[in-house]
PDB file of all heavy atoms in Angstrom:
ATOM      1  N   ALA A   1       0.770  -1.223   0.003  1.00  0.00           N
ATOM      2  CA  ALA A   1      -0.024   0.019  -0.026  1.00  0.00           C
ATOM      3  C   ALA A   1       0.871   1.274  -0.019  1.00  0.00           C
ATOM      4  O   ALA A   1       0.465   2.264  -0.691  1.00  0.00           O
ATOM      5  CB  ALA A   1      -0.972   0.012   1.214  1.00  0.00           C
ATOM      6  N   GLY A   2       1.949   1.283   0.748  1.00  0.00           N
ATOM      7  CA  GLY A   2       2.790   2.497   0.917  1.00  0.00           C
ATOM      8  C   GLY A   2       4.058   2.504   0.184  1.00  0.00           C
ATOM      9  O   GLY A   2       4.813   3.510   0.279  1.00  0.00           O
ATOM     10  N   GLY A   3       4.413   1.405  -0.445  1.00  0.00           N
ATOM     11  CA  GLY A   3       5.702   1.353  -1.154  1.00  0.00           C
ATOM     12  C   GLY A   3       6.868   0.931  -0.198  1.00  0.00           C
ATOM     13  O   GLY A   3       6.665   0.755   0.986  1.00  0.00           O
ATOM     14  N   ASP A   4       8.036   0.780  -0.841  1.00  0.00           N
ATOM     15  CA  ASP A   4       9.149   0.247  -0.067  1.00  0.00           C
ATOM     16  C   ASP A   4       9.718   1.260   0.936  1.00  0.00           C
ATOM     17  O   ASP A   4      10.506   0.873   1.831  1.00  0.00           O
ATOM     18  CB  ASP A   4      10.302  -0.218  -1.009  1.00  0.00           C
ATOM     19  CG  ASP A   4       9.836  -1.380  -1.874  1.00  0.00           C
ATOM     20  OD1 ASP A   4       8.991  -2.190  -1.384  1.00  0.00           O
ATOM     21  OD2 ASP A   4      10.418  -1.591  -2.926  1.00  0.00           O
ATOM     22  N   ASN A   5       9.403   2.514   0.761  1.00  0.00           N
ATOM     23  CA  ASN A   5      10.022   3.555   1.675  1.00  0.00           C
ATOM     24  C   ASN A   5       9.160   3.792   2.920  1.00  0.00           C
ATOM     25  O   ASN A   5       9.594   4.598   3.752  1.00  0.00           O
ATOM     26  CB  ASN A   5      10.116   4.853   0.860  1.00  0.00           C
ATOM     27  CG  ASN A   5      11.146   4.776  -0.269  1.00  0.00           C
ATOM     28  OD1 ASN A   5      12.112   4.077  -0.185  1.00  0.00           O
ATOM     29  ND2 ASN A   5      10.861   5.468  -1.348  1.00  0.00           N
ATOM     30  N   CYS A   6       8.073   3.118   3.036  1.00  0.00           N
ATOM     31  CA  CYS A   6       7.241   3.312   4.235  1.00  0.00           C
ATOM     32  C   CYS A   6       7.936   2.644   5.438  1.00  0.00           C
ATOM     33  O   CYS A   6       8.681   1.703   5.309  1.00  0.00           O
ATOM     34  CB  CYS A   6       5.816   2.777   4.038  1.00  0.00           C
ATOM     35  SG  CYS A   6       5.794   0.972   3.859  1.00  0.00           S
ATOM     36  N   ARG A   7       7.541   3.167   6.640  1.00  0.00           N
ATOM     37  CA  ARG A   7       8.169   2.627   7.873  1.00  0.00           C
ATOM     38  C   ARG A   7       7.616   1.197   8.146  1.00  0.00           C
ATOM     39  O   ARG A   7       6.415   0.950   8.069  1.00  0.00           O
ATOM     40  CB  ARG A   7       7.858   3.516   9.052  1.00  0.00           C
ATOM     41  CG  ARG A   7       8.526   3.200  10.352  1.00  0.00           C
ATOM     42  CD  ARG A   7       8.201   4.182  11.398  1.00  0.00           C
ATOM     43  NE  ARG A   7       6.771   4.187  11.728  1.00  0.00           N
ATOM     44  CZ  ARG A   7       6.231   3.323  12.647  1.00  0.00           C
ATOM     45  NH1 ARG A   7       6.992   2.443  13.262  1.00  0.00           N
ATOM     46  NH2 ARG A   7       4.934   3.361  12.893  1.00  0.00           N
ATOM     47  N   SER A   8       8.519   0.326   8.548  1.00  0.00           N
ATOM     48  CA  SER A   8       8.107  -1.053   8.804  1.00  0.00           C
ATOM     49  C   SER A   8       7.457  -1.117  10.154  1.00  0.00           C
ATOM     50  O   SER A   8       7.911  -0.540  11.170  1.00  0.00           O
ATOM     51  CB  SER A   8       9.304  -2.036   8.794  1.00  0.00           C
ATOM     52  OG  SER A   8       9.845  -2.064   7.475  1.00  0.00           O
ATOM     53  N   ILE A   9       6.324  -1.878  10.251  1.00  0.00           N
ATOM     54  CA  ILE A   9       5.680  -2.087  11.521  1.00  0.00           C
ATOM     55  C   ILE A   9       6.530  -3.005  12.377  1.00  0.00           C
ATOM     56  O   ILE A   9       6.704  -2.767  13.561  1.00  0.00           O
ATOM     57  CB  ILE A   9       4.296  -2.769  11.287  1.00  0.00           C
ATOM     58  CG1 ILE A   9       3.426  -1.869  10.387  1.00  0.00           C
ATOM     59  CG2 ILE A   9       3.563  -2.918  12.639  1.00  0.00           C
ATOM     60  CD1 ILE A   9       2.072  -2.493  10.037  1.00  0.00           C
ATOM     61  N   TYR A  10       7.035  -4.037  11.740  1.00  0.00           N
ATOM     62  CA  TYR A  10       7.878  -5.012  12.479  1.00  0.00           C
ATOM     63  C   TYR A  10       9.213  -5.127  11.771  1.00  0.00           C
ATOM     64  O   TYR A  10       9.321  -5.839  10.734  1.00  0.00           O
ATOM     65  CB  TYR A  10       7.211  -6.382  12.534  1.00  0.00           C
ATOM     66  CG  TYR A  10       5.803  -6.371  13.020  1.00  0.00           C
ATOM     67  CD1 TYR A  10       4.744  -6.622  12.145  1.00  0.00           C
ATOM     68  CD2 TYR A  10       5.526  -6.177  14.380  1.00  0.00           C
ATOM     69  CE1 TYR A  10       3.394  -6.619  12.621  1.00  0.00           C
ATOM     70  CE2 TYR A  10       4.221  -6.117  14.846  1.00  0.00           C
ATOM     71  CZ  TYR A  10       3.151  -6.404  13.965  1.00  0.00           C
ATOM     72  OH  TYR A  10       1.910  -6.349  14.418  1.00  0.00           O
ATOM     73  N   PRO A  11      10.272  -4.435  12.233  1.00  0.00           N
ATOM     74  CA  PRO A  11      11.551  -4.590  11.609  1.00  0.00           C
ATOM     75  C   PRO A  11      12.084  -6.005  11.541  1.00  0.00           C
ATOM     76  O   PRO A  11      12.731  -6.396  10.552  1.00  0.00           O
ATOM     77  CB  PRO A  11      12.491  -3.747  12.543  1.00  0.00           C
ATOM     78  CG  PRO A  11      11.560  -2.798  13.195  1.00  0.00           C
ATOM     79  CD  PRO A  11      10.317  -3.492  13.363  1.00  0.00           C
ATOM     80  N   ASN A  12      11.743  -6.764  12.553  1.00  0.00           N
ATOM     81  CA  ASN A  12      12.056  -8.213  12.620  1.00  0.00           C
ATOM     82  C   ASN A  12      10.824  -8.987  13.061  1.00  0.00           C
ATOM     83  O   ASN A  12      10.605  -9.102  14.288  1.00  0.00           O
ATOM     84  CB  ASN A  12      13.232  -8.505  13.489  1.00  0.00           C
ATOM     85  CG  ASN A  12      13.684  -9.971  13.462  1.00  0.00           C
ATOM     86  OD1 ASN A  12      13.048 -10.737  12.738  1.00  0.00           O
ATOM     87  ND2 ASN A  12      14.711 -10.333  14.187  1.00  0.00           N
ATOM     88  N   PRO A  13       9.941  -9.435  12.101  1.00  0.00           N
ATOM     89  CA  PRO A  13       8.701 -10.074  12.563  1.00  0.00           C
ATOM     90  C   PRO A  13       8.859 -11.290  13.461  1.00  0.00           C
ATOM     91  O   PRO A  13       7.969 -11.554  14.289  1.00  0.00           O
ATOM     92  CB  PRO A  13       8.069 -10.510  11.182  1.00  0.00           C
ATOM     93  CG  PRO A  13       8.702  -9.607  10.176  1.00  0.00           C
ATOM     94  CD  PRO A  13      10.103  -9.402  10.650  1.00  0.00           C
ATOM     95  N   GLY A  14       9.987 -11.969  13.410  1.00  0.00           N
ATOM     96  CA  GLY A  14      10.153 -13.156  14.246  1.00  0.00           C
ATOM     97  C   GLY A  14      10.777 -12.859  15.624  1.00  0.00           C
ATOM     98  O   GLY A  14      10.900 -13.776  16.433  1.00  0.00           O
ATOM     99  N   LYS A  15      11.031 -11.586  15.895  1.00  0.00           N
ATOM    100  CA  LYS A  15      11.589 -11.242  17.203  1.00  0.00           C
ATOM    101  C   LYS A  15      10.473 -11.198  18.283  1.00  0.00           C
ATOM    102  O   LYS A  15       9.400 -10.650  18.047  1.00  0.00           O
ATOM    103  CB  LYS A  15      12.285  -9.857  17.132  1.00  0.00           C
ATOM    104  CG  LYS A  15      13.146  -9.618  18.379  1.00  0.00           C
ATOM    105  CD  LYS A  15      14.076  -8.413  18.156  1.00  0.00           C
ATOM    106  CE  LYS A  15      15.004  -8.239  19.292  1.00  0.00           C
ATOM    107  NZ  LYS A  15      15.968  -7.110  19.072  1.00  0.00           N
ATOM    108  N   LYS A  16      10.766 -11.875  19.361  1.00  0.00           N
ATOM    109  CA  LYS A  16       9.726 -12.039  20.390  1.00  0.00           C
ATOM    110  C   LYS A  16       9.570 -10.731  21.192  1.00  0.00           C
ATOM    111  O   LYS A  16      10.121 -10.584  22.287  1.00  0.00           O
ATOM    112  CB  LYS A  16      10.110 -13.200  21.291  1.00  0.00           C
ATOM    113  CG  LYS A  16       9.972 -14.572  20.529  1.00  0.00           C
ATOM    114  CD  LYS A  16      10.363 -15.749  21.437  1.00  0.00           C
ATOM    115  CE  LYS A  16      11.876 -15.877  21.581  1.00  0.00           C
ATOM    116  NZ  LYS A  16      12.468 -16.228  20.281  1.00  0.00           N
ATOM    117  N   ARG A  17       8.719  -9.875  20.671  1.00  0.00           N
ATOM    118  CA  ARG A  17       8.368  -8.633  21.332  1.00  0.00           C
ATOM    119  C   ARG A  17       6.886  -8.379  21.196  1.00  0.00           C
ATOM    120  O   ARG A  17       6.261  -8.882  20.299  1.00  0.00           O
ATOM    121  CB  ARG A  17       9.124  -7.427  20.754  1.00  0.00           C
ATOM    122  CG  ARG A  17      10.605  -7.389  21.197  1.00  0.00           C
ATOM    123  CD  ARG A  17      11.236  -6.082  20.708  1.00  0.00           C
ATOM    124  NE  ARG A  17      12.610  -5.932  21.190  1.00  0.00           N
ATOM    125  CZ  ARG A  17      13.392  -4.944  20.965  1.00  0.00           C
ATOM    126  NH1 ARG A  17      12.973  -3.937  20.216  1.00  0.00           N
ATOM    127  NH2 ARG A  17      14.626  -4.902  21.405  1.00  0.00           N
ATOM    128  N   GLY A  18       6.318  -7.594  22.107  1.00  0.00           N
ATOM    129  CA  GLY A  18       4.879  -7.272  22.032  1.00  0.00           C
ATOM    130  C   GLY A  18       4.019  -8.549  22.119  1.00  0.00           C
ATOM    131  O   GLY A  18       4.192  -9.357  22.966  1.00  0.00           O
ATOM    132  N   GLY A  19       3.051  -8.598  21.223  1.00  0.00           N
ATOM    133  CA  GLY A  19       2.116  -9.692  21.217  1.00  0.00           C
ATOM    134  C   GLY A  19       2.765 -11.060  21.001  1.00  0.00           C
ATOM    135  O   GLY A  19       2.303 -12.077  21.572  1.00  0.00           O
ATOM    136  N   LEU A  20       3.801 -11.085  20.173  1.00  0.00           N
ATOM    137  CA  LEU A  20       4.494 -12.409  19.920  1.00  0.00           C
ATOM    138  C   LEU A  20       5.157 -12.923  21.198  1.00  0.00           C
ATOM    139  O   LEU A  20       5.184 -14.112  21.454  1.00  0.00           O
ATOM    140  CB  LEU A  20       5.556 -12.263  18.831  1.00  0.00           C
ATOM    141  CG  LEU A  20       6.229 -13.543  18.379  1.00  0.00           C
ATOM    142  CD1 LEU A  20       5.239 -14.530  17.912  1.00  0.00           C
ATOM    143  CD2 LEU A  20       7.262 -13.223  17.330  1.00  0.00           C
ATOM    144  N   TRP A  21       5.671 -12.012  22.030  1.00  0.00           N
ATOM    145  CA  TRP A  21       6.310 -12.441  23.311  1.00  0.00           C
ATOM    146  C   TRP A  21       5.235 -13.103  24.198  1.00  0.00           C
ATOM    147  O   TRP A  21       5.491 -14.144  24.779  1.00  0.00           O
ATOM    148  CB  TRP A  21       6.874 -11.146  23.989  1.00  0.00           C
ATOM    149  CG  TRP A  21       7.666 -11.544  25.250  1.00  0.00           C
ATOM    150  CD1 TRP A  21       9.006 -11.852  25.348  1.00  0.00           C
ATOM    151  CD2 TRP A  21       7.129 -11.607  26.603  1.00  0.00           C
ATOM    152  NE1 TRP A  21       9.323 -12.062  26.653  1.00  0.00           N
ATOM    153  CE2 TRP A  21       8.217 -11.932  27.482  1.00  0.00           C
ATOM    154  CE3 TRP A  21       5.917 -11.379  27.136  1.00  0.00           C
ATOM    155  CZ2 TRP A  21       8.096 -12.099  28.818  1.00  0.00           C
ATOM    156  CZ3 TRP A  21       5.761 -11.530  28.527  1.00  0.00           C
ATOM    157  CH2 TRP A  21       6.816 -11.869  29.387  1.00  0.00           C
ATOM    158  N   TRP A  22       4.063 -12.490  24.239  1.00  0.00           N
ATOM    159  CA  TRP A  22       3.012 -13.096  25.078  1.00  0.00           C
ATOM    160  C   TRP A  22       2.510 -14.365  24.468  1.00  0.00           C
ATOM    161  O   TRP A  22       2.249 -15.347  25.224  1.00  0.00           O
ATOM    162  CB  TRP A  22       1.878 -12.055  25.179  1.00  0.00           C
ATOM    163  CG  TRP A  22       2.082 -10.992  26.190  1.00  0.00           C
ATOM    164  CD1 TRP A  22       2.419  -9.680  25.847  1.00  0.00           C
ATOM    165  CD2 TRP A  22       2.039 -11.077  27.575  1.00  0.00           C
ATOM    166  NE1 TRP A  22       2.581  -8.992  27.041  1.00  0.00           N
ATOM    167  CE2 TRP A  22       2.400  -9.824  28.098  1.00  0.00           C
ATOM    168  CE3 TRP A  22       1.832 -12.156  28.454  1.00  0.00           C
ATOM    169  CZ2 TRP A  22       2.413  -9.584  29.472  1.00  0.00           C
ATOM    170  CZ3 TRP A  22       1.894 -11.912  29.788  1.00  0.00           C
ATOM    171  CH2 TRP A  22       2.197 -10.633  30.331  1.00  0.00           C
ATOM    172  N   THR A  23       2.418 -14.456  23.144  1.00  0.00           N
ATOM    173  CA  THR A  23       1.975 -15.742  22.536  1.00  0.00           C
ATOM    174  C   THR A  23       2.979 -16.847  22.878  1.00  0.00           C
ATOM    175  O   THR A  23       2.589 -18.013  23.184  1.00  0.00           O
ATOM    176  CB  THR A  23       1.905 -15.548  20.971  1.00  0.00           C
ATOM    177  OG1 THR A  23       0.926 -14.571  20.708  1.00  0.00           O
ATOM    178  CG2 THR A  23       1.553 -16.817  20.305  1.00  0.00           C
ATOM    179  N   TYR A  24       4.256 -16.547  22.788  1.00  0.00           N
ATOM    180  CA  TYR A  24       5.318 -17.543  23.077  1.00  0.00           C
ATOM    181  C   TYR A  24       5.257 -17.960  24.514  1.00  0.00           C
ATOM    182  O   TYR A  24       5.362 -19.131  24.822  1.00  0.00           O
ATOM    183  CB  TYR A  24       6.733 -16.978  22.689  1.00  0.00           C
ATOM    184  CG  TYR A  24       7.765 -18.003  22.605  1.00  0.00           C
ATOM    185  CD1 TYR A  24       7.997 -18.653  21.353  1.00  0.00           C
ATOM    186  CD2 TYR A  24       8.537 -18.364  23.679  1.00  0.00           C
ATOM    187  CE1 TYR A  24       8.955 -19.630  21.247  1.00  0.00           C
ATOM    188  CE2 TYR A  24       9.515 -19.361  23.569  1.00  0.00           C
ATOM    189  CZ  TYR A  24       9.743 -19.975  22.344  1.00  0.00           C
ATOM    190  OH  TYR A  24      10.674 -20.969  22.297  1.00  0.00           O
ATOM    191  N   LEU A  25       5.121 -16.965  25.432  1.00  0.00           N
ATOM    192  CA  LEU A  25       5.128 -17.290  26.839  1.00  0.00           C
ATOM    193  C   LEU A  25       3.920 -18.118  27.187  1.00  0.00           C
ATOM    194  O   LEU A  25       3.997 -19.131  27.938  1.00  0.00           O
ATOM    195  CB  LEU A  25       5.150 -15.975  27.654  1.00  0.00           C
ATOM    196  CG  LEU A  25       5.115 -16.146  29.198  1.00  0.00           C
ATOM    197  CD1 LEU A  25       6.361 -16.882  29.707  1.00  0.00           C
ATOM    198  CD2 LEU A  25       4.972 -14.807  29.928  1.00  0.00           C
ATOM    199  N   LEU A  26       2.739 -17.731  26.697  1.00  0.00           N
ATOM    200  CA  LEU A  26       1.481 -18.473  26.993  1.00  0.00           C
ATOM    201  C   LEU A  26       1.620 -19.915  26.345  1.00  0.00           C
ATOM    202  O   LEU A  26       1.069 -20.845  26.967  1.00  0.00           O
ATOM    203  CB  LEU A  26       0.271 -17.731  26.407  1.00  0.00           C
ATOM    204  CG  LEU A  26      -0.063 -16.460  27.136  1.00  0.00           C
ATOM    205  CD1 LEU A  26      -1.240 -15.773  26.483  1.00  0.00           C
ATOM    206  CD2 LEU A  26      -0.343 -16.723  28.651  1.00  0.00           C
ATOM    207  N   SER A  27       2.268 -20.040  25.240  1.00  0.00           N
ATOM    208  CA  SER A  27       2.443 -21.380  24.671  1.00  0.00           C
ATOM    209  C   SER A  27       3.248 -22.314  25.582  1.00  0.00           C
ATOM    210  O   SER A  27       2.970 -23.500  25.702  1.00  0.00           O
ATOM    211  CB  SER A  27       3.060 -21.262  23.278  1.00  0.00           C
ATOM    212  OG  SER A  27       4.438 -20.994  23.355  1.00  0.00           O
ATOM    213  N   LEU A  28       4.299 -21.719  26.181  1.00  0.00           N
ATOM    214  CA  LEU A  28       5.133 -22.501  27.121  1.00  0.00           C
ATOM    215  C   LEU A  28       4.300 -22.955  28.317  1.00  0.00           C
ATOM    216  O   LEU A  28       4.413 -24.112  28.787  1.00  0.00           O
ATOM    217  CB  LEU A  28       6.346 -21.687  27.536  1.00  0.00           C
ATOM    218  CG  LEU A  28       7.355 -21.329  26.469  1.00  0.00           C
ATOM    219  CD1 LEU A  28       8.408 -20.363  27.054  1.00  0.00           C
ATOM    220  CD2 LEU A  28       7.967 -22.519  25.879  1.00  0.00           C
ATOM    221  N   ILE A  29       3.520 -22.017  28.924  1.00  0.00           N
ATOM    222  CA  ILE A  29       2.699 -22.308  30.063  1.00  0.00           C
ATOM    223  C   ILE A  29       1.649 -23.377  29.738  1.00  0.00           C
ATOM    224  O   ILE A  29       1.380 -24.297  30.494  1.00  0.00           O
ATOM    225  CB  ILE A  29       2.019 -21.051  30.599  1.00  0.00           C
ATOM    226  CG1 ILE A  29       3.151 -20.073  31.103  1.00  0.00           C
ATOM    227  CG2 ILE A  29       1.092 -21.369  31.751  1.00  0.00           C
ATOM    228  CD1 ILE A  29       2.598 -18.707  31.485  1.00  0.00           C
ATOM    229  N   PHE A  30       1.072 -23.225  28.502  1.00  0.00           N
ATOM    230  CA  PHE A  30       0.048 -24.190  28.113  1.00  0.00           C
ATOM    231  C   PHE A  30       0.673 -25.612  27.912  1.00  0.00           C
ATOM    232  O   PHE A  30       0.073 -26.598  28.333  1.00  0.00           O
ATOM    233  CB  PHE A  30      -0.591 -23.730  26.795  1.00  0.00           C
ATOM    234  CG  PHE A  30      -1.699 -24.621  26.287  1.00  0.00           C
ATOM    235  CD1 PHE A  30      -2.924 -24.537  26.822  1.00  0.00           C
ATOM    236  CD2 PHE A  30      -1.449 -25.573  25.357  1.00  0.00           C
ATOM    237  CE1 PHE A  30      -3.937 -25.318  26.355  1.00  0.00           C
ATOM    238  CE2 PHE A  30      -2.430 -26.392  24.890  1.00  0.00           C
ATOM    239  CZ  PHE A  30      -3.702 -26.308  25.381  1.00  0.00           C
ATOM    240  N   LYS A  31       1.860 -25.654  27.307  1.00  0.00           N
ATOM    241  CA  LYS A  31       2.500 -26.941  27.074  1.00  0.00           C
ATOM    242  C   LYS A  31       2.832 -27.658  28.431  1.00  0.00           C
ATOM    243  O   LYS A  31       2.581 -28.842  28.585  1.00  0.00           O
ATOM    244  CB  LYS A  31       3.764 -26.753  26.269  1.00  0.00           C
ATOM    245  CG  LYS A  31       3.492 -26.459  24.804  1.00  0.00           C
ATOM    246  CD  LYS A  31       4.795 -26.462  23.940  1.00  0.00           C
ATOM    247  CE  LYS A  31       5.718 -25.362  24.287  1.00  0.00           C
ATOM    248  NZ  LYS A  31       6.894 -25.296  23.376  1.00  0.00           N
ATOM    249  N   ALA A  32       3.393 -26.910  29.379  1.00  0.00           N
ATOM    250  CA  ALA A  32       3.709 -27.414  30.635  1.00  0.00           C
ATOM    251  C   ALA A  32       2.458 -27.873  31.360  1.00  0.00           C
ATOM    252  O   ALA A  32       2.388 -28.941  32.029  1.00  0.00           O
ATOM    253  CB  ALA A  32       4.464 -26.435  31.523  1.00  0.00           C
ATOM    254  N   GLY A  33       1.354 -27.055  31.308  1.00  0.00           N
ATOM    255  CA  GLY A  33       0.104 -27.368  31.929  1.00  0.00           C
ATOM    256  C   GLY A  33      -0.562 -28.699  31.298  1.00  0.00           C
ATOM    257  O   GLY A  33      -1.023 -29.475  32.106  1.00  0.00           O
ATOM    258  N   VAL A  34      -0.511 -28.782  30.013  1.00  0.00           N
ATOM    259  CA  VAL A  34      -1.081 -29.988  29.411  1.00  0.00           C
ATOM    260  C   VAL A  34      -0.337 -31.229  29.846  1.00  0.00           C
ATOM    261  O   VAL A  34      -0.924 -32.273  30.204  1.00  0.00           O
ATOM    262  CB  VAL A  34      -0.979 -29.927  27.861  1.00  0.00           C
ATOM    263  CG1 VAL A  34      -1.218 -31.229  27.178  1.00  0.00           C
ATOM    264  CG2 VAL A  34      -2.012 -28.868  27.365  1.00  0.00           C
ATOM    265  N   ASP A  35       1.002 -31.210  29.905  1.00  0.00           N
ATOM    266  CA  ASP A  35       1.766 -32.313  30.325  1.00  0.00           C
ATOM    267  C   ASP A  35       1.528 -32.721  31.758  1.00  0.00           C
ATOM    268  O   ASP A  35       1.405 -33.865  32.084  1.00  0.00           O
ATOM    269  CB  ASP A  35       3.242 -32.080  30.133  1.00  0.00           C
ATOM    270  CG  ASP A  35       3.712 -32.399  28.723  1.00  0.00           C
ATOM    271  OD1 ASP A  35       3.065 -33.198  28.020  1.00  0.00           O
ATOM    272  OD2 ASP A  35       4.754 -31.798  28.282  1.00  0.00           O
ATOM    273  N   MET A  36       1.383 -31.671  32.611  1.00  0.00           N
ATOM    274  CA  MET A  36       1.130 -31.986  34.030  1.00  0.00           C
ATOM    275  C   MET A  36      -0.341 -32.568  34.253  1.00  0.00           C
ATOM    276  O   MET A  36      -0.496 -33.463  35.053  1.00  0.00           O
ATOM    277  CB  MET A  36       1.268 -30.705  34.859  1.00  0.00           C
ATOM    278  CG  MET A  36       2.726 -30.347  35.010  1.00  0.00           C
ATOM    279  SD  MET A  36       2.994 -28.936  36.247  1.00  0.00           S
ATOM    280  CE  MET A  36       2.414 -27.583  35.257  1.00  0.00           C
ATOM    281  N   VAL A  37      -1.274 -32.070  33.429  1.00  0.00           N
ATOM    282  CA  VAL A  37      -2.622 -32.621  33.569  1.00  0.00           C
ATOM    283  C   VAL A  37      -2.669 -34.100  33.110  1.00  0.00           C
ATOM    284  O   VAL A  37      -3.257 -34.915  33.762  1.00  0.00           O
ATOM    285  CB  VAL A  37      -3.598 -31.814  32.668  1.00  0.00           C
ATOM    286  CG1 VAL A  37      -4.922 -32.513  32.497  1.00  0.00           C
ATOM    287  CG2 VAL A  37      -3.882 -30.438  33.302  1.00  0.00           C
ATOM    288  N   PHE A  38      -1.932 -34.417  32.068  1.00  0.00           N
ATOM    289  CA  PHE A  38      -1.925 -35.819  31.617  1.00  0.00           C
ATOM    290  C   PHE A  38      -1.096 -36.736  32.546  1.00  0.00           C
ATOM    291  O   PHE A  38      -1.453 -37.874  32.714  1.00  0.00           O
ATOM    292  CB  PHE A  38      -1.376 -35.917  30.197  1.00  0.00           C
ATOM    293  CG  PHE A  38      -2.363 -35.704  29.135  1.00  0.00           C
ATOM    294  CD1 PHE A  38      -2.667 -34.408  28.623  1.00  0.00           C
ATOM    295  CD2 PHE A  38      -3.142 -36.750  28.614  1.00  0.00           C
ATOM    296  CE1 PHE A  38      -3.679 -34.271  27.648  1.00  0.00           C
ATOM    297  CE2 PHE A  38      -4.107 -36.598  27.658  1.00  0.00           C
ATOM    298  CZ  PHE A  38      -4.338 -35.282  27.177  1.00  0.00           C
ATOM    299  N   LEU A  39      -0.084 -36.157  33.179  1.00  0.00           N
ATOM    300  CA  LEU A  39       0.564 -36.930  34.203  1.00  0.00           C
ATOM    301  C   LEU A  39      -0.359 -37.317  35.345  1.00  0.00           C
ATOM    302  O   LEU A  39      -0.332 -38.472  35.859  1.00  0.00           O
ATOM    303  CB  LEU A  39       1.798 -36.156  34.785  1.00  0.00           C
ATOM    304  CG  LEU A  39       3.039 -36.111  33.842  1.00  0.00           C
ATOM    305  CD1 LEU A  39       4.075 -35.218  34.497  1.00  0.00           C
ATOM    306  CD2 LEU A  39       3.615 -37.497  33.670  1.00  0.00           C
ATOM    307  N   TYR A  40      -1.195 -36.354  35.698  1.00  0.00           N
ATOM    308  CA  TYR A  40      -2.214 -36.622  36.765  1.00  0.00           C
ATOM    309  C   TYR A  40      -3.233 -37.591  36.339  1.00  0.00           C
ATOM    310  O   TYR A  40      -3.637 -38.522  37.083  1.00  0.00           O
ATOM    311  CB  TYR A  40      -2.850 -35.326  37.192  1.00  0.00           C
ATOM    312  CG  TYR A  40      -3.959 -35.472  38.197  1.00  0.00           C
ATOM    313  CD1 TYR A  40      -3.637 -35.721  39.566  1.00  0.00           C
ATOM    314  CD2 TYR A  40      -5.343 -35.396  37.824  1.00  0.00           C
ATOM    315  CE1 TYR A  40      -4.695 -35.891  40.472  1.00  0.00           C
ATOM    316  CE2 TYR A  40      -6.325 -35.552  38.763  1.00  0.00           C
ATOM    317  CZ  TYR A  40      -5.993 -35.800  40.081  1.00  0.00           C
ATOM    318  OH  TYR A  40      -6.988 -35.976  40.992  1.00  0.00           O
ATOM    319  N   ILE A  41      -3.699 -37.471  35.069  1.00  0.00           N
ATOM    320  CA  ILE A  41      -4.673 -38.410  34.587  1.00  0.00           C
ATOM    321  C   ILE A  41      -4.162 -39.870  34.551  1.00  0.00           C
ATOM    322  O   ILE A  41      -4.811 -40.805  34.992  1.00  0.00           O
ATOM    323  CB  ILE A  41      -5.141 -38.053  33.126  1.00  0.00           C
ATOM    324  CG1 ILE A  41      -5.960 -36.695  33.190  1.00  0.00           C
ATOM    325  CG2 ILE A  41      -5.952 -39.100  32.443  1.00  0.00           C
ATOM    326  CD1 ILE A  41      -6.302 -36.140  31.858  1.00  0.00           C
ATOM    327  N   PHE A  42      -2.910 -39.996  34.074  1.00  0.00           N
ATOM    328  CA  PHE A  42      -2.278 -41.340  34.071  1.00  0.00           C
ATOM    329  C   PHE A  42      -2.147 -41.860  35.509  1.00  0.00           C
ATOM    330  O   PHE A  42      -2.397 -43.082  35.739  1.00  0.00           O
ATOM    331  CB  PHE A  42      -0.903 -41.281  33.408  1.00  0.00           C
ATOM    332  CG  PHE A  42      -0.975 -41.431  31.894  1.00  0.00           C
ATOM    333  CD1 PHE A  42      -0.744 -40.360  31.070  1.00  0.00           C
ATOM    334  CD2 PHE A  42      -1.240 -42.654  31.301  1.00  0.00           C
ATOM    335  CE1 PHE A  42      -0.788 -40.456  29.708  1.00  0.00           C
ATOM    336  CE2 PHE A  42      -1.318 -42.829  29.970  1.00  0.00           C
ATOM    337  CZ  PHE A  42      -1.062 -41.688  29.105  1.00  0.00           C
TER     338      PHE A  42
END
């Protein structure tokens, strides 16, 4: 929409900042929680 000279929203889209940091952190907590729940079920 703005051409190559427009300012980038994410200079590095894969860098864990902002919403991506929270997504990554919550994914870690979710993975640990799932494993602990299944350990209890077993």
